[in-house]
C-alpha atoms as a PDB file:
ATOM      1  CA  UNK A   1     101.111  32.950 104.723  1.00  0.00           C
ATOM      2  CA  UNK A   2     104.491  31.411 105.583  1.00  0.00           C
ATOM      3  CA  UNK A   3     104.087  27.941 107.021  1.00  0.00           C
ATOM      4  CA  UNK A   4     107.666  26.670 106.922  1.00  0.00           C
ATOM      5  CA  UNK A   5     111.175  27.912 106.326  1.00  0.00           C
ATOM      6  CA  UNK A   6     112.010  24.807 104.276  1.00  0.00           C
ATOM      7  CA  UNK A   7     112.431  25.279 100.551  1.00  0.00           C
ATOM      8  CA  UNK A   8     109.313  24.189  98.669  1.00  0.00           C
ATOM      9  CA  UNK A   9     109.074  22.892  95.086  1.00  0.00           C
ATOM     10  CA  UNK A  10     107.060  25.927  93.966  1.00  0.00           C
ATOM     11  CA  UNK A  11     109.748  28.205  95.422  1.00  0.00           C
ATOM     12  CA  UNK A  12     112.346  26.629  93.162  1.00  0.00           C
ATOM     13  CA  UNK A  13     110.307  26.964  89.959  1.00  0.00           C
ATOM     14  CA  UNK A  14     109.272  30.541  90.749  1.00  0.00           C
ATOM     15  CA  UNK A  15     112.840  31.468  91.603  1.00  0.00           C
ATOM     16  CA  UNK A  16     114.194  30.212  88.275  1.00  0.00           C
ATOM     17  CA  UNK A  17     111.486  31.904  86.193  1.00  0.00           C
ATOM     18  CA  UNK A  18     112.203  35.314  87.728  1.00  0.00           C
ATOM     19  CA  UNK A  19     115.975  35.199  87.198  1.00  0.00           C
ATOM     20  CA  UNK A  20     117.506  36.744  84.075  1.00  0.00           C
ATOM     21  CA  UNK A  21     118.631  34.026  81.643  1.00  0.00           C
ATOM     22  CA  UNK A  22     121.239  35.999  79.689  1.00  0.00           C
ATOM     23  CA  UNK A  23     124.025  38.347  80.714  1.00  0.00           C
ATOM     24  CA  UNK A  24     122.396  41.070  78.615  1.00  0.00           C
ATOM     25  CA  UNK A  25     119.305  40.833  80.851  1.00  0.00           C
ATOM     26  CA  UNK A  26     121.323  41.194  84.075  1.00  0.00           C
ATOM     27  CA  UNK A  27     121.003  44.693  85.546  1.00  0.00           C
ATOM     28  CA  UNK A  28     123.866  46.391  87.372  1.00  0.00           C
ATOM     29  CA  UNK A  29     127.495  45.503  88.102  1.00  0.00           C
ATOM     30  CA  UNK A  30     128.701  46.647  84.684  1.00  0.00           C
ATOM     31  CA  UNK A  31     132.365  45.753  85.302  1.00  0.00           C
ATOM     32  CA  UNK A  32     131.507  42.188  86.330  1.00  0.00           C
ATOM     33  CA  UNK A  33     129.172  41.787  83.353  1.00  0.00           C
ATOM     34  CA  UNK A  34     131.867  43.003  80.950  1.00  0.00           C
ATOM     35  CA  UNK A  35     134.490  40.625  82.392  1.00  0.00           C
ATOM     36  CA  UNK A  36     132.136  37.642  82.405  1.00  0.00           C
ATOM     37  CA  UNK A  37     131.092  38.335  78.812  1.00  0.00           C
ATOM     38  CA  UNK A  38     134.756  38.354  77.804  1.00  0.00           C
ATOM     39  CA  UNK A  39     135.374  35.015  79.617  1.00  0.00           C
ATOM     40  CA  UNK A  40     132.273  33.436  78.044  1.00  0.00           C
ATOM     41  CA  UNK A  41     133.089  34.652  74.528  1.00  0.00           C
ATOM     42  CA  UNK A  42     136.710  33.460  74.786  1.00  0.00           C
ATOM     43  CA  UNK A  43     135.669  30.022  76.058  1.00  0.00           C
ATOM     44  CA  UNK A  44     133.104  29.656  73.273  1.00  0.00           C
ATOM     45  CA  UNK A  45     135.690  30.623  70.616  1.00  0.00           C
ATOM     46  CA  UNK A  46     138.080  27.992  71.998  1.00  0.00           C
ATOM     47  CA  UNK A  47     135.275  25.427  72.181  1.00  0.00           C
ATOM     48  CA  UNK A  48     136.025  24.900  75.865  1.00  0.00           C
ATOM     49  CA  UNK A  49     134.318  25.499  79.168  1.00  0.00           C
ATOM     50  CA  UNK A  50     135.132  28.292  81.579  1.00  0.00           C
ATOM     51  CA  UNK A  51     137.428  26.484  83.961  1.00  0.00           C
ATOM     52  CA  UNK A  52     136.999  28.397  87.230  1.00  0.00           C
ATOM     53  CA  UNK A  53     134.884  31.322  88.345  1.00  0.00           C
ATOM     54  CA  UNK A  54     134.757  32.365  91.983  1.00  0.00           C
ATOM     55  CA  UNK A  55     131.725  34.421  92.984  1.00  0.00           C
ATOM     56  CA  UNK A  56     131.873  35.668  96.549  1.00  0.00           C
ATOM     57  CA  UNK A  57     130.282  38.267  98.768  1.00  0.00           C
ATOM     58  CA  UNK A  58     127.370  38.798 101.109  1.00  0.00           C
ATOM     59  CA  UNK A  59     123.838  37.665 100.361  1.00  0.00           C
ATOM     60  CA  UNK A  60     121.798  39.558  97.815  1.00  0.00           C
ATOM     61  CA  UNK A  61     124.529  40.564  95.354  1.00  0.00           C
ATOM     62  CA  UNK A  62     123.409  38.215  92.563  1.00  0.00           C
ATOM     63  CA  UNK A  63     125.986  35.430  92.853  1.00  0.00           C
ATOM     64  CA  UNK A  64     123.464  32.651  92.292  1.00  0.00           C
ATOM     65  CA  UNK A  65     121.858  34.526  89.424  1.00  0.00           C
ATOM     66  CA  UNK A  66     125.256  35.002  87.765  1.00  0.00           C
ATOM     67  CA  UNK A  67     126.045  31.297  88.187  1.00  0.00           C
ATOM     68  CA  UNK A  68     122.779  30.404  86.422  1.00  0.00           C
ATOM     69  CA  UNK A  69     123.502  32.942  83.668  1.00  0.00           C
ATOM     70  CA  UNK A  70     127.006  31.547  83.079  1.00  0.00           C
ATOM     71  CA  UNK A  71     125.638  28.016  82.758  1.00  0.00           C
ATOM     72  CA  UNK A  72     122.866  29.173  80.421  1.00  0.00           C
ATOM     73  CA  UNK A  73     125.244  31.218  78.249  1.00  0.00           C
ATOM     74  CA  UNK A  74     127.604  28.235  77.988  1.00  0.00           C
ATOM     75  CA  UNK A  75     124.732  25.903  77.119  1.00  0.00           C
ATOM     76  CA  UNK A  76     125.208  23.553  80.068  1.00  0.00           C
ATOM     77  CA  UNK A  77     123.106  22.490  83.040  1.00  0.00           C
ATOM     78  CA  UNK A  78     123.849  23.712  86.536  1.00  0.00           C
ATOM     79  CA  UNK A  79     124.038  21.725  89.765  1.00  0.00           C
ATOM     80  CA  UNK A  80     123.463  23.856  92.861  1.00  0.00           C
ATOM     81  CA  UNK A  81     125.014  22.686  96.118  1.00  0.00           C
ATOM     82  CA  UNK A  82     125.977  24.234  99.432  1.00  0.00           C
ATOM     83  CA  UNK A  83     128.565  23.284 102.008  1.00  0.00           C
ATOM     84  CA  UNK A  84     126.384  24.721 104.753  1.00  0.00           C
ATOM     85  CA  UNK A  85     123.225  22.776 103.994  1.00  0.00           C
ATOM     86  CA  UNK A  86     122.904  19.295 105.480  1.00  0.00           C
ATOM     87  CA  UNK A  87     120.766  17.687 102.830  1.00  0.00           C
ATOM     88  CA  UNK A  88     120.927  15.131 100.088  1.00  0.00           C
ATOM     89  CA  UNK A  89     121.256  17.910  97.490  1.00  0.00           C
ATOM     90  CA  UNK A  90     124.564  18.996  98.995  1.00  0.00           C
ATOM     91  CA  UNK A  91     126.206  15.580  98.474  1.00  0.00           C
ATOM     92  CA  UNK A  92     127.276  16.142  94.892  1.00  0.00           C
ATOM     93  CA  UNK A  93     130.129  14.206  93.332  1.00  0.00           C
ATOM     94  CA  UNK A  94     132.209  16.916  91.657  1.00  0.00           C
ATOM     95  CA  UNK A  95     133.905  14.354  89.393  1.00  0.00           C
ATOM     96  CA  UNK A  96     130.503  13.705  87.833  1.00  0.00           C
ATOM     97  CA  UNK A  97     130.178  17.315  86.621  1.00  0.00           C
ATOM     98  CA  UNK A  98     132.458  16.656  83.641  1.00  0.00           C
ATOM     99  CA  UNK A  99     130.471  13.596  82.591  1.00  0.00           C
ATOM    100  CA  UNK A 100     127.148  15.419  82.918  1.00  0.00           C
ATOM    101  CA  UNK A 101     128.492  18.535  81.158  1.00  0.00           C
ATOM    102  CA  UNK A 102     127.275  20.899  83.806  1.00  0.00           C
ATOM    103  CA  UNK A 103     128.386  23.843  85.892  1.00  0.00           C
ATOM    104  CA  UNK A 104     128.567  23.435  89.662  1.00  0.00           C
ATOM    105  CA  UNK A 105     127.505  26.252  91.952  1.00  0.00           C
END
């Protein structure tokens, strides 16, 4: 039974356990997977992070899942924020991302 439209703590943990963790586990969008794998491999060989990745499109295409996969493949944490959401989570200091060694989505 749905009691609220607000995101609940159990929603967050369930959501992250169902997502693929590696690019090899991601189904579909072969061209995107191939390009991302190339970017990830090149960044790892250089010992650097992937500087910029823009994921765009309508809901349901897997943008958030890909952002989590990129962070996981690079061995960094991810900070999820949204410009549309008026909440404390959305007030993220982007300058802090370098210090925390994390990806920002």
